[in-house]
Amino acid sequence: MADAHTSRLCVQIIHSHFGSLTAKVASVLLTRGRLTLPSLARYSGLKTRTVRAAVLVLVQHNILWHATLDKEGEVLEVNIEECLMRLRFGKYTWQTEVLFGKAGAQIVQLILDHGKLRPPDIISELSNLDPKGSAVYSQALYKLVEEAYLKPSTVLSHEAPRDKLIKYEAEEKAKIVGFPTSKQLKAARETAQARIKREEKDAEGVGIKRKAKDQPGQRSAKRKATETTGVLEDSVYFRLNFDKFNIHIRNSLIEKAVRERYNDGAALVIRAALKVTESSQKTLLENRTEPISVANIAMQLSDEDDLSSGLVFSSKKGASNTTCIKEYLGIMSNADNPTTVGKASSFVSYDSQKVYVEFDLIANRLRRNVLEAVTRERHGTEGVRIVRLLLETGKMDEKQISKIVMMAPKDVRPLLSALAADSLVNTQEVPRSADRAPSRTFYLWHVDLVKAYSMILGQLYKTLYNIGIRREAEKEEPMLKAVLEKRERSDVRLDESLLTSLDKDIIKEWEQKEEKLTILEMRVEECVFILRDLSAVSQGMDD
């Protein structure tokens, strides 16, 4: 089950998108865990018919998982990650419009409104708005599916993955003869995980019926398929592939980090390097990009991009773009600092032939930046000094910390206690005797990154919840509520002159407040993306 902050945020999102009854059903599942339909109706206090309708809505929008148990039968469970992804729907629609135009954005918006749809239903619904644009919508839909921005929704995507993992792992363990060793148990788990990944890959392979076009003018025995086309299967339901959209968010964060660390020229180079391998980037779990050549990076840059302005050369003659690219790559790879610290602070790996963008190093560093920012906000620069020291050296006692950070012990002791209260640092007990008496025990301080990131993530969820509550509270203000209701009238929509100057001032003031809240929500959600979505790729680095 989710913690309190995550549960409240999920309930708020579902209430905003689907109404109070559906939110009540989701709240029961988040509070009590997986339940059968009769139990869900009993705990929610709603009629079975109402609960069933709410469940159908949530299943249609991929927010509920199914699982079939031996004793209880079919149970339902909230897919928390899917629910929290709904905060990025506006960003996904905007990203689609940038990549595929207005037609692609309309398709994505329609699918987000319905959860999942078949191609005929999508084209039919959009053709009602623009009867002459069915060919444009069909072409945009095919591109979205072919480039994996849309993926087929299958039965496997509605089953809880944890239950499948337990089932497959039990099947593998049953094949072991005798008492299993730890190595055999690990192999069984890895086999089960590989089986799940293989099933998911096979399931997502449906959706397009492909056919090859042969080159004309060749004998049949020597014909080569030079171009592959296809049509979408009408019976397959398609939904958004969040991983593909999240890749663009990650790449934009990397570009932003490079610009803040160096300059605009370095940001252009890293953007071009990411653009080269964009089509091959499938998930956020990739540790690095495929090898990239300098020539491919140069092809992604236009003649108007002035890279030399961010560099200083000994000669007065302007350097070529290729030379500037090599200089920027050397800077971003910390070629002048071939130590462990230099490698950990690099953005790319670069030799004379190939370039790799190191996603794991960058993700690890972005998460550390969030940790230091939270520490600085709550405990000042002194807290950041202590956290950085413990991250670099590991476990230390209070006297060592006081000596190295050059602070008085009377100042270090309360600061460590405050950091520990926020789970930013932890203690490790090392007893000198078997009785574990406090007077004969060493207390070593260290940073547990997993615990610290989890605490910060919970606080970010709490902040997102409070932003939503603030937005709803502002809208419930009597005068603003009356003006907003007036603006929604059909006659006022046709003629805005019916609004008085006072009404316009109230609406303008509300729009400014809403814009500030939206910007704040986007910034908090960016930190959530760094801590949650980039956690898998940087987990090995943190451990």
Protein backbone atom coordinates (compact mmCIF):
# COMPACT_ATOMS: atom_id res chain seq x y z
CA MET A 1 0.00 0.00 0.00
CA ALA A 2 1.03 3.62 -0.53
CA ASP A 3 1.94 5.99 2.28
CA ALA A 4 -0.44 8.68 3.49
CA HIS A 5 0.89 11.51 1.30
CA THR A 6 0.83 9.42 -1.88
CA SER A 7 -2.66 8.08 -1.14
CA ARG A 8 -4.10 11.56 -0.55
CA LEU A 9 -2.55 12.84 -3.78
CA CYS A 10 -3.92 9.89 -5.79
CA VAL A 11 -7.41 10.39 -4.33
CA GLN A 12 -7.24 14.08 -5.17
CA ILE A 13 -6.21 13.35 -8.77
CA ILE A 14 -8.98 10.80 -9.24
CA HIS A 15 -11.54 13.15 -7.64
CA SER A 16 -10.49 15.92 -10.02
CA HIS A 17 -10.70 13.69 -13.11
CA PHE A 18 -13.58 11.31 -12.35
CA GLY A 19 -15.66 12.71 -9.50
CA SER A 20 -16.31 12.00 -5.83
CA LEU A 21 -17.81 8.48 -6.11
CA THR A 22 -14.88 7.10 -8.08
CA ALA A 23 -12.49 8.85 -5.68
CA LYS A 24 -14.19 7.16 -2.74
CA VAL A 25 -13.71 3.72 -4.31
CA ALA A 26 -10.03 4.50 -4.99
CA SER A 27 -9.59 5.79 -1.43
CA VAL A 28 -10.80 2.48 0.02
CA LEU A 29 -8.38 0.51 -2.17
CA LEU A 30 -5.48 2.79 -1.28
CA THR A 31 -6.27 2.56 2.43
CA ARG A 32 -7.05 -1.15 2.74
CA GLY A 33 -5.03 -2.63 -0.10
CA ARG A 34 -6.33 -5.06 -2.71
CA LEU A 35 -9.97 -6.09 -2.30
CA THR A 36 -12.63 -8.11 -4.05
CA LEU A 37 -15.63 -6.34 -5.55
CA PRO A 38 -18.07 -7.32 -2.71
CA SER A 39 -15.56 -6.23 -0.06
CA LEU A 40 -14.97 -2.97 -1.91
CA ALA A 41 -18.72 -2.26 -1.95
CA ARG A 42 -19.02 -3.07 1.75
CA TYR A 43 -16.12 -0.88 2.88
CA SER A 44 -17.05 2.05 0.63
CA GLY A 45 -20.71 2.05 1.69
CA LEU A 46 -21.82 2.40 -1.93
CA LYS A 47 -24.16 0.24 -3.98
CA THR A 48 -22.55 -2.63 -5.86
CA ARG A 49 -23.79 -1.18 -9.13
CA THR A 50 -22.10 2.15 -8.41
CA VAL A 51 -18.85 0.46 -7.36
CA ARG A 52 -18.85 -1.69 -10.49
CA ALA A 53 -19.28 1.41 -12.69
CA ALA A 54 -16.43 3.18 -10.88
CA VAL A 55 -14.19 0.12 -11.27
CA LEU A 56 -14.94 -0.04 -14.99
CA VAL A 57 -13.96 3.61 -15.38
CA LEU A 58 -10.69 3.12 -13.50
CA VAL A 59 -9.86 -0.07 -15.45
CA GLN A 60 -10.60 1.72 -18.72
CA HIS A 61 -8.08 4.40 -17.72
CA ASN A 62 -5.48 1.79 -16.62
CA ILE A 63 -5.58 2.88 -12.96
CA LEU A 64 -6.63 -0.52 -11.56
CA TRP A 65 -4.84 -3.86 -11.77
CA HIS A 66 -6.48 -7.32 -11.71
CA ALA A 67 -5.15 -10.31 -9.84
CA THR A 68 -6.70 -13.74 -9.42
CA LEU A 69 -5.96 -15.43 -6.09
CA ASP A 70 -6.70 -19.03 -5.12
CA LYS A 71 -8.83 -18.23 -2.07
CA GLU A 72 -10.25 -14.73 -2.61
CA GLY A 73 -10.79 -14.94 -6.36
CA GLU A 74 -10.43 -11.76 -8.42
CA VAL A 75 -9.08 -8.78 -6.47
CA LEU A 76 -8.44 -5.19 -7.49
CA GLU A 77 -5.41 -3.00 -6.76
CA VAL A 78 -4.59 0.63 -7.59
CA ASN A 79 -1.76 1.23 -10.04
CA ILE A 80 -0.27 4.20 -8.19
CA GLU A 81 2.35 5.04 -10.81
CA GLU A 82 -0.29 5.20 -13.55
CA CYS A 83 -2.41 7.50 -11.40
CA LEU A 84 0.45 9.90 -10.66
CA MET A 85 1.35 10.05 -14.36
CA ARG A 86 -1.89 11.95 -14.92
CA LEU A 87 -0.16 15.07 -13.58
CA ARG A 88 1.94 15.09 -16.78
CA PHE A 89 -0.88 14.75 -19.29
CA GLY A 90 -0.69 18.40 -20.29
CA LYS A 91 3.06 18.10 -20.87
CA TYR A 92 2.57 14.96 -22.95
CA THR A 93 0.01 16.70 -25.18
CA TRP A 94 2.30 19.69 -25.67
CA GLN A 95 5.23 17.40 -26.52
CA THR A 96 3.14 15.57 -29.10
CA GLU A 97 2.15 18.83 -30.78
CA VAL A 98 5.83 19.80 -31.03
CA LEU A 99 6.76 16.46 -32.61
CA PHE A 100 3.70 15.52 -34.69
CA GLY A 101 1.68 18.69 -35.10
CA LYS A 102 -1.85 19.56 -34.09
CA ALA A 103 -3.34 16.32 -35.46
CA GLY A 104 -1.07 14.20 -33.26
CA ALA A 105 -1.88 16.33 -30.21
CA GLN A 106 -5.62 15.86 -30.81
CA ILE A 107 -5.16 12.09 -31.04
CA VAL A 108 -3.19 11.98 -27.79
CA GLN A 109 -5.72 14.22 -26.05
CA LEU A 110 -8.57 11.97 -27.18
CA ILE A 111 -6.83 8.81 -25.96
CA LEU A 112 -6.03 10.47 -22.61
CA ASP A 113 -9.70 11.38 -22.24
CA HIS A 114 -10.81 7.78 -22.87
CA GLY A 115 -7.92 5.74 -21.49
CA LYS A 116 -7.58 3.50 -24.53
CA LEU A 117 -9.22 3.46 -27.98
CA ARG A 118 -9.21 1.53 -31.25
CA PRO A 119 -8.05 3.22 -34.48
CA PRO A 120 -11.54 3.31 -36.10
CA ASP A 121 -12.99 4.97 -33.00
CA ILE A 122 -10.19 7.57 -32.96
CA ILE A 123 -10.59 8.47 -36.63
CA SER A 124 -14.38 8.51 -36.38
CA GLU A 125 -14.40 10.82 -33.36
CA LEU A 126 -11.89 13.28 -34.81
CA SER A 127 -13.50 13.24 -38.26
CA ASN A 128 -16.64 14.68 -36.72
CA LEU A 129 -14.65 17.82 -35.92
CA ASP A 130 -12.91 17.93 -39.31
CA PRO A 131 -14.51 15.68 -41.97
CA LYS A 132 -11.78 16.46 -44.50
CA GLY A 133 -8.91 15.62 -42.16
CA SER A 134 -9.39 11.86 -41.77
CA ALA A 135 -6.32 11.13 -43.93
CA VAL A 136 -4.18 13.49 -41.83
CA TYR A 137 -5.38 11.87 -38.60
CA SER A 138 -4.75 8.38 -39.97
CA GLN A 139 -1.20 9.32 -40.97
CA ALA A 140 -0.49 10.94 -37.59
CA LEU A 141 -1.92 7.93 -35.75
CA TYR A 142 0.28 5.53 -37.70
CA LYS A 143 3.38 7.61 -36.92
CA LEU A 144 2.54 7.67 -33.22
CA VAL A 145 2.21 3.88 -33.14
CA GLU A 146 5.22 3.19 -35.36
CA GLU A 147 7.50 5.39 -33.22
CA ALA A 148 6.15 3.77 -30.02
CA TYR A 149 4.45 6.85 -28.57
CA LEU A 150 1.32 4.72 -28.53
CA LYS A 151 1.38 1.08 -27.55
CA PRO A 152 -1.25 -1.69 -27.63
CA SER A 153 -3.23 -2.32 -24.47
CA THR A 154 -3.33 -6.05 -23.80
CA VAL A 155 -4.59 -8.32 -21.04
CA LEU A 156 -1.09 -8.49 -19.56
CA SER A 157 -1.03 -4.74 -18.99
CA HIS A 158 -4.02 -5.06 -16.61
CA GLU A 159 -2.49 -7.80 -14.46
CA ALA A 160 -0.48 -6.93 -11.37
CA PRO A 161 3.19 -7.59 -12.29
CA ARG A 162 4.09 -8.54 -8.72
CA ASP A 163 1.66 -11.47 -8.76
CA LYS A 164 3.02 -12.71 -12.07
CA LEU A 165 6.55 -12.49 -10.70
CA ILE A 166 5.61 -14.51 -7.61
CA LYS A 167 3.84 -17.12 -9.74
CA TYR A 168 6.66 -17.53 -12.26
CA GLU A 169 9.27 -17.56 -9.52
CA ALA A 170 7.39 -20.35 -7.72
CA GLU A 171 7.31 -22.35 -10.96
CA GLU A 172 11.07 -21.97 -11.36
CA LYS A 173 11.72 -22.94 -7.73
CA ALA A 174 9.61 -26.08 -8.19
CA LYS A 175 12.09 -27.26 -10.83
CA ILE A 176 14.98 -27.19 -8.34
CA VAL A 177 15.86 -30.62 -6.93
CA GLY A 178 16.72 -30.75 -3.25
CA PHE A 179 17.32 -27.81 -0.94
CA PRO A 180 17.81 -24.67 -3.10
CA THR A 181 20.96 -22.60 -2.74
CA SER A 182 21.06 -18.81 -2.81
CA LYS A 183 22.55 -18.94 -6.30
CA GLN A 184 19.68 -21.11 -7.55
CA LEU A 185 17.08 -18.82 -5.95
CA LYS A 186 18.68 -15.80 -7.60
CA ALA A 187 18.69 -17.58 -10.96
CA ALA A 188 15.01 -18.51 -10.52
CA ARG A 189 14.10 -14.89 -9.86
CA GLU A 190 16.08 -13.65 -12.85
CA THR A 191 14.43 -16.27 -15.08
CA ALA A 192 10.99 -15.18 -13.89
CA GLN A 193 11.80 -11.52 -14.54
CA ALA A 194 13.10 -12.33 -18.02
CA ARG A 195 9.92 -14.27 -18.75
CA ILE A 196 7.75 -11.29 -17.79
CA LYS A 197 9.81 -8.94 -19.95
CA ARG A 198 9.59 -11.35 -22.88
CA GLU A 199 5.79 -11.60 -22.54
CA GLU A 200 5.46 -7.81 -22.40
CA LYS A 201 7.64 -7.40 -25.47
CA ASP A 202 5.63 -9.98 -27.42
CA ALA A 203 2.35 -8.38 -26.35
CA GLU A 204 3.45 -4.92 -27.44
CA GLY A 205 4.50 -6.26 -30.84
CA VAL A 206 0.90 -6.45 -32.03
CA GLY A 207 -0.98 -3.52 -33.49
CA ILE A 208 0.61 -3.10 -36.94
CA LYS A 209 0.21 -5.43 -39.87
CA ARG A 210 3.43 -4.98 -41.78
CA LYS A 211 4.08 -5.63 -45.45
CA ALA A 212 7.22 -5.08 -47.51
CA LYS A 213 7.47 -3.14 -50.77
CA ASP A 214 9.80 -4.74 -53.29
CA GLN A 215 12.09 -2.82 -55.60
CA PRO A 216 10.75 -2.81 -59.15
CA GLY A 217 12.83 -4.04 -62.04
CA GLN A 218 14.47 -6.95 -60.22
CA ARG A 219 14.01 -10.64 -60.63
CA SER A 220 11.89 -12.31 -57.98
CA ALA A 221 14.83 -14.39 -56.72
CA LYS A 222 16.89 -11.24 -56.01
CA ARG A 223 14.25 -8.85 -54.79
CA LYS A 224 15.11 -7.05 -51.58
CA ALA A 225 12.66 -5.48 -49.23
CA THR A 226 13.70 -1.83 -49.20
CA GLU A 227 10.70 -0.23 -47.54
CA THR A 228 8.33 -1.56 -44.92
CA THR A 229 4.82 -0.19 -44.58
CA GLY A 230 1.81 -1.37 -42.67
CA VAL A 231 -1.69 -0.69 -41.45
CA LEU A 232 -3.02 -0.56 -37.92
CA GLU A 233 -5.16 -3.42 -36.69
CA ASP A 234 -8.70 -2.20 -36.07
CA SER A 235 -9.34 -4.58 -33.17
CA VAL A 236 -6.38 -3.45 -31.04
CA TYR A 237 -6.82 -0.82 -28.34
CA PHE A 238 -4.00 1.70 -28.06
CA ARG A 239 -2.86 3.72 -25.06
CA LEU A 240 -0.02 6.12 -24.34
CA ASN A 241 3.50 4.79 -23.85
CA PHE A 242 4.64 7.01 -20.97
CA ASP A 243 8.25 5.83 -21.21
CA LYS A 244 8.66 7.38 -24.63
CA PHE A 245 7.36 10.75 -23.45
CA ASN A 246 9.43 10.58 -20.25
CA ILE A 247 12.56 10.19 -22.38
CA HIS A 248 11.98 13.70 -23.76
CA ILE A 249 11.57 15.07 -20.23
CA ARG A 250 14.84 13.41 -19.19
CA ASN A 251 16.68 14.75 -22.23
CA SER A 252 15.41 18.28 -21.58
CA LEU A 253 16.61 18.04 -17.96
CA ILE A 254 20.06 16.94 -19.16
CA GLU A 255 20.20 19.85 -21.60
CA LYS A 256 19.14 22.25 -18.84
CA ALA A 257 21.79 20.86 -16.48
CA VAL A 258 24.52 21.29 -19.12
CA ARG A 259 23.43 24.87 -19.80
CA GLU A 260 23.56 25.71 -16.09
CA ARG A 261 26.95 24.03 -15.66
CA TYR A 262 28.63 25.38 -18.82
CA ASN A 263 26.93 27.56 -21.47
CA ASP A 264 24.49 27.57 -24.40
CA GLY A 265 27.05 26.09 -26.82
CA ALA A 266 27.53 23.00 -24.65
CA ALA A 267 23.74 22.67 -24.35
CA LEU A 268 23.42 22.70 -28.15
CA VAL A 269 26.02 19.94 -28.46
CA ILE A 270 24.39 17.68 -25.85
CA ARG A 271 20.97 18.29 -27.44
CA ALA A 272 22.35 17.25 -30.84
CA ALA A 273 23.96 14.14 -29.32
CA LEU A 274 20.67 13.11 -27.71
CA LYS A 275 18.79 13.83 -30.93
CA VAL A 276 20.98 11.38 -32.86
CA THR A 277 19.98 8.44 -30.63
CA GLU A 278 16.44 9.61 -29.82
CA SER A 279 14.78 6.94 -31.94
CA SER A 280 16.75 4.15 -30.24
CA GLN A 281 15.98 5.35 -26.70
CA LYS A 282 13.15 3.11 -25.52
CA THR A 283 13.01 3.36 -21.71
CA LEU A 284 14.51 5.30 -18.81
CA LEU A 285 16.39 2.18 -17.68
CA GLU A 286 19.19 2.67 -20.20
CA ASN A 287 22.55 3.42 -18.57
CA ARG A 288 23.95 5.24 -21.60
CA THR A 289 23.22 6.02 -25.23
CA GLU A 290 24.42 4.04 -28.19
CA PRO A 291 27.81 5.14 -29.61
CA ILE A 292 27.63 8.49 -31.41
CA SER A 293 30.14 9.91 -33.85
CA VAL A 294 31.17 13.56 -33.97
CA ALA A 295 30.03 13.74 -37.60
CA ASN A 296 26.48 12.69 -36.64
CA ILE A 297 26.39 15.37 -33.95
CA ALA A 298 27.55 17.98 -36.44
CA MET A 299 24.75 16.97 -38.84
CA GLN A 300 22.13 17.81 -36.20
CA LEU A 301 23.41 21.38 -35.89
CA SER A 302 22.46 24.14 -38.30
CA ASP A 303 24.78 26.73 -39.82
CA GLU A 304 23.19 29.41 -37.65
CA ASP A 305 24.37 27.72 -34.43
CA ASP A 306 27.44 29.64 -33.30
CA LEU A 307 29.41 27.30 -31.07
CA SER A 308 32.62 29.32 -31.07
CA SER A 309 31.06 32.15 -29.04
CA GLY A 310 31.24 30.05 -25.89
CA LEU A 311 34.90 29.12 -26.33
CA VAL A 312 38.15 31.08 -26.28
CA PHE A 313 40.85 30.11 -28.79
CA SER A 314 44.44 31.27 -28.92
CA SER A 315 44.16 32.24 -32.58
CA LYS A 316 41.85 35.00 -33.76
CA LYS A 317 40.48 32.88 -36.59
CA GLY A 318 37.10 31.29 -35.93
CA ALA A 319 37.15 27.54 -35.42
CA SER A 320 34.91 25.15 -37.35
CA ASN A 321 31.85 23.55 -35.80
CA THR A 322 33.58 20.15 -35.70
CA THR A 323 36.49 21.57 -33.72
CA CYS A 324 34.10 23.31 -31.32
CA ILE A 325 32.11 20.11 -30.86
CA LYS A 326 35.28 18.20 -29.93
CA GLU A 327 36.23 20.92 -27.46
CA TYR A 328 32.80 20.86 -25.82
CA LEU A 329 32.84 17.06 -25.63
CA GLY A 330 36.25 17.19 -23.97
CA ILE A 331 34.94 19.68 -21.43
CA MET A 332 31.76 17.70 -20.67
CA SER A 333 33.74 14.47 -20.32
CA ASN A 334 36.17 16.12 -17.87
CA ALA A 335 39.10 15.00 -20.02
CA ASP A 336 41.42 17.17 -17.93
CA ASN A 337 40.45 15.33 -14.73
CA PRO A 338 40.76 11.55 -15.31
CA THR A 339 40.07 10.72 -11.65
CA THR A 340 37.07 9.06 -10.07
CA VAL A 341 35.70 12.45 -9.03
CA GLY A 342 36.12 13.78 -12.55
CA LYS A 343 34.32 10.82 -14.08
CA ALA A 344 31.44 11.10 -11.59
CA SER A 345 30.90 14.76 -12.53
CA SER A 346 31.01 14.19 -16.32
CA PHE A 347 28.10 14.21 -18.75
CA VAL A 348 29.58 12.15 -21.59
CA SER A 349 32.27 9.57 -22.24
CA TYR A 350 34.42 10.63 -25.18
CA ASP A 351 37.35 9.13 -26.99
CA SER A 352 38.72 9.82 -30.44
CA GLN A 353 36.04 7.74 -32.14
CA LYS A 354 32.74 7.54 -30.23
CA VAL A 355 30.67 9.54 -27.76
CA TYR A 356 28.29 8.18 -25.09
CA VAL A 357 25.88 10.25 -23.00
CA GLU A 358 26.07 8.73 -19.50
CA PHE A 359 22.50 8.62 -18.19
CA ASP A 360 23.40 6.84 -14.95
CA LEU A 361 26.01 9.40 -13.88
CA ILE A 362 23.74 12.32 -14.78
CA ALA A 363 20.71 10.86 -12.99
CA ASN A 364 22.76 10.20 -9.88
CA ARG A 365 24.06 13.76 -9.88
CA LEU A 366 20.60 15.29 -10.44
CA ARG A 367 19.26 13.39 -7.46
CA ARG A 368 22.16 14.55 -5.30
CA ASN A 369 21.39 18.13 -6.37
CA VAL A 370 17.81 17.77 -5.15
CA LEU A 371 19.06 16.34 -1.85
CA GLU A 372 21.46 19.24 -1.36
CA ALA A 373 18.81 21.80 -2.32
CA VAL A 374 16.39 20.43 0.29
CA THR A 375 19.16 20.35 2.90
CA ARG A 376 20.18 23.94 2.13
CA GLU A 377 16.59 25.16 2.35
CA ARG A 378 15.97 23.54 5.75
CA HIS A 379 19.38 23.61 7.43
CA GLY A 380 21.48 26.18 5.59
CA THR A 381 24.93 25.85 4.08
CA GLU A 382 26.28 24.19 7.25
CA GLY A 383 23.88 21.27 6.76
CA VAL A 384 25.00 20.93 3.13
CA ARG A 385 28.65 20.81 4.24
CA ILE A 386 27.93 17.95 6.62
CA VAL A 387 25.87 16.01 4.06
CA ARG A 388 28.54 16.39 1.38
CA LEU A 389 31.23 15.27 3.81
CA LEU A 390 29.31 12.12 4.76
CA LEU A 391 28.54 11.33 1.12
CA GLU A 392 32.21 11.54 0.19
CA THR A 393 33.78 9.81 3.20
CA GLY A 394 31.08 7.46 4.51
CA LYS A 395 30.48 6.87 8.24
CA MET A 396 32.07 9.28 10.72
CA ASP A 397 31.63 10.13 14.37
CA GLU A 398 30.63 13.52 15.72
CA LYS A 399 34.14 14.64 16.67
CA GLN A 400 35.54 13.86 13.22
CA ILE A 401 32.69 15.75 11.55
CA SER A 402 33.23 18.77 13.79
CA LYS A 403 36.94 18.82 13.04
CA ILE A 404 36.70 18.46 9.27
CA VAL A 405 33.80 20.90 8.66
CA MET A 406 35.50 23.34 11.05
CA MET A 407 32.52 23.90 13.32
CA ALA A 408 32.27 23.89 17.10
CA PRO A 409 30.93 20.64 18.63
CA LYS A 410 28.14 22.59 20.33
CA ASP A 411 26.94 23.68 16.85
CA VAL A 412 27.42 20.32 15.13
CA ARG A 413 25.45 18.27 17.66
CA PRO A 414 22.06 20.05 17.28
CA LEU A 415 22.54 20.31 13.51
CA LEU A 416 23.08 16.54 13.21
CA SER A 417 19.98 15.95 15.33
CA ALA A 418 17.93 18.23 13.07
CA LEU A 419 19.27 16.48 9.95
CA ALA A 420 18.43 13.09 11.47
CA ALA A 421 14.89 14.26 12.29
CA ASP A 422 14.38 14.92 8.56
CA SER A 423 15.97 11.53 7.64
CA LEU A 424 18.77 13.30 5.79
CA VAL A 425 21.40 11.57 7.96
CA ASN A 426 21.29 8.40 10.07
CA THR A 427 23.30 6.78 12.82
CA GLN A 428 25.05 3.42 12.90
CA GLU A 429 25.69 1.88 16.33
CA VAL A 430 29.01 0.09 16.85
CA PRO A 431 29.03 -1.48 20.36
CA ARG A 432 32.34 -2.12 22.10
CA SER A 433 30.83 -4.67 24.50
CA ALA A 434 28.19 -7.37 24.35
CA ASP A 435 25.76 -5.50 26.61
CA ARG A 436 25.47 -2.67 24.04
CA ALA A 437 25.63 -0.02 26.75
CA PRO A 438 25.39 3.53 25.34
CA SER A 439 28.52 4.59 27.21
CA ARG A 440 30.48 1.83 25.46
CA THR A 441 29.05 2.34 21.97
CA PHE A 442 30.31 4.34 19.00
CA TYR A 443 27.65 6.30 17.08
CA LEU A 444 28.68 6.84 13.47
CA TRP A 445 26.79 9.24 11.22
CA HIS A 446 26.11 8.51 7.54
CA VAL A 447 23.68 9.33 4.73
CA ASP A 448 21.18 6.64 3.73
CA LEU A 449 20.33 7.84 0.22
CA VAL A 450 17.37 5.51 -0.27
CA LYS A 451 15.76 6.69 2.97
CA ALA A 452 16.56 10.34 2.29
CA TYR A 453 15.14 10.24 -1.23
CA SER A 454 12.03 8.44 0.01
CA MET A 455 11.45 11.11 2.65
CA ILE A 456 11.90 13.95 0.16
CA LEU A 457 9.58 12.24 -2.33
CA GLY A 458 6.87 11.94 0.31
CA GLN A 459 7.21 15.65 1.10
CA LEU A 460 6.96 16.49 -2.60
CA TYR A 461 3.74 14.48 -2.86
CA LYS A 462 2.44 16.41 0.14
CA THR A 463 3.33 19.67 -1.60
CA LEU A 464 1.52 18.63 -4.78
CA TYR A 465 -1.54 17.75 -2.71
CA ASN A 466 -1.43 21.13 -0.95
CA ILE A 467 -1.16 22.93 -4.31
CA GLY A 468 -4.30 21.16 -5.50
CA ILE A 469 -6.13 22.01 -2.27
CA ARG A 470 -5.07 25.66 -2.57
CA ARG A 471 -6.30 25.82 -6.17
CA GLU A 472 -9.70 24.41 -5.24
CA ALA A 473 -9.99 26.69 -2.21
CA GLU A 474 -9.27 29.76 -4.33
CA LYS A 475 -11.93 28.75 -6.83
CA GLU A 476 -14.52 28.34 -4.07
CA GLU A 477 -14.23 32.01 -3.07
CA PRO A 478 -17.85 33.29 -3.47
CA MET A 479 -17.19 36.28 -5.72
CA LEU A 480 -14.75 34.40 -7.97
CA LYS A 481 -17.06 31.39 -8.17
CA ALA A 482 -19.95 33.58 -9.30
CA VAL A 483 -17.83 35.27 -11.97
CA LEU A 484 -16.48 31.95 -13.28
CA GLU A 485 -20.03 30.56 -13.50
CA LYS A 486 -21.08 33.69 -15.35
CA ARG A 487 -18.23 33.29 -17.83
CA GLU A 488 -19.36 29.74 -18.61
CA ARG A 489 -22.80 30.92 -19.77
CA SER A 490 -23.41 30.49 -23.48
CA ASP A 491 -24.32 34.14 -24.06
CA VAL A 492 -21.16 35.37 -22.30
CA ARG A 493 -19.03 32.98 -24.34
CA LEU A 494 -20.38 34.55 -27.52
CA ASP A 495 -20.11 38.13 -26.25
CA GLU A 496 -17.48 38.84 -23.60
CA SER A 497 -18.63 42.46 -23.40
CA LEU A 498 -21.35 41.21 -21.04
CA LEU A 499 -18.66 40.94 -18.38
CA THR A 500 -18.20 44.08 -16.31
CA SER A 501 -14.83 45.66 -15.67
CA LEU A 502 -14.94 44.29 -12.12
CA ASP A 503 -15.60 40.79 -13.47
CA LYS A 504 -12.63 41.07 -15.84
CA ASP A 505 -10.36 42.26 -13.02
CA ILE A 506 -11.42 39.31 -10.84
CA ILE A 507 -10.81 36.85 -13.69
CA LYS A 508 -7.42 38.40 -14.47
CA GLU A 509 -6.35 38.18 -10.83
CA TRP A 510 -7.46 34.54 -10.66
CA GLU A 511 -5.61 33.65 -13.86
CA GLN A 512 -2.41 35.14 -12.41
CA LYS A 513 -2.81 33.07 -9.23
CA GLU A 514 -3.57 29.95 -11.26
CA GLU A 515 -0.49 30.52 -13.41
CA LYS A 516 1.74 30.81 -10.33
CA LEU A 517 0.29 27.63 -8.85
CA THR A 518 0.77 25.80 -12.15
CA ILE A 519 4.41 26.90 -12.42
CA LEU A 520 5.01 25.78 -8.84
CA GLU A 521 3.34 22.44 -9.57
CA MET A 522 5.56 21.95 -12.63
CA ARG A 523 8.72 22.65 -10.63
CA VAL A 524 7.73 20.22 -7.88
CA GLU A 525 6.76 17.59 -10.45
CA GLU A 526 10.18 18.00 -12.05
CA CYS A 527 11.80 17.07 -8.74
CA VAL A 528 9.43 14.10 -8.48
CA PHE A 529 10.54 12.96 -11.93
CA ILE A 530 14.20 13.13 -10.89
CA LEU A 531 13.70 11.22 -7.64
CA ARG A 532 11.16 8.63 -8.81
CA ASP A 533 11.47 8.08 -12.55
CA LEU A 534 15.26 8.37 -12.68
CA SER A 535 15.71 6.24 -9.57
CA ALA A 536 15.98 2.91 -11.40
CA VAL A 537 18.86 3.97 -13.64
CA SER A 538 20.84 5.51 -10.77
CA GLN A 539 20.06 2.94 -8.08
CA GLY A 540 23.27 1.08 -8.67
CA MET A 541 25.27 4.28 -8.39
CA ASP A 542 23.68 5.23 -5.07
CA ASP A 543 24.18 1.80 -3.53
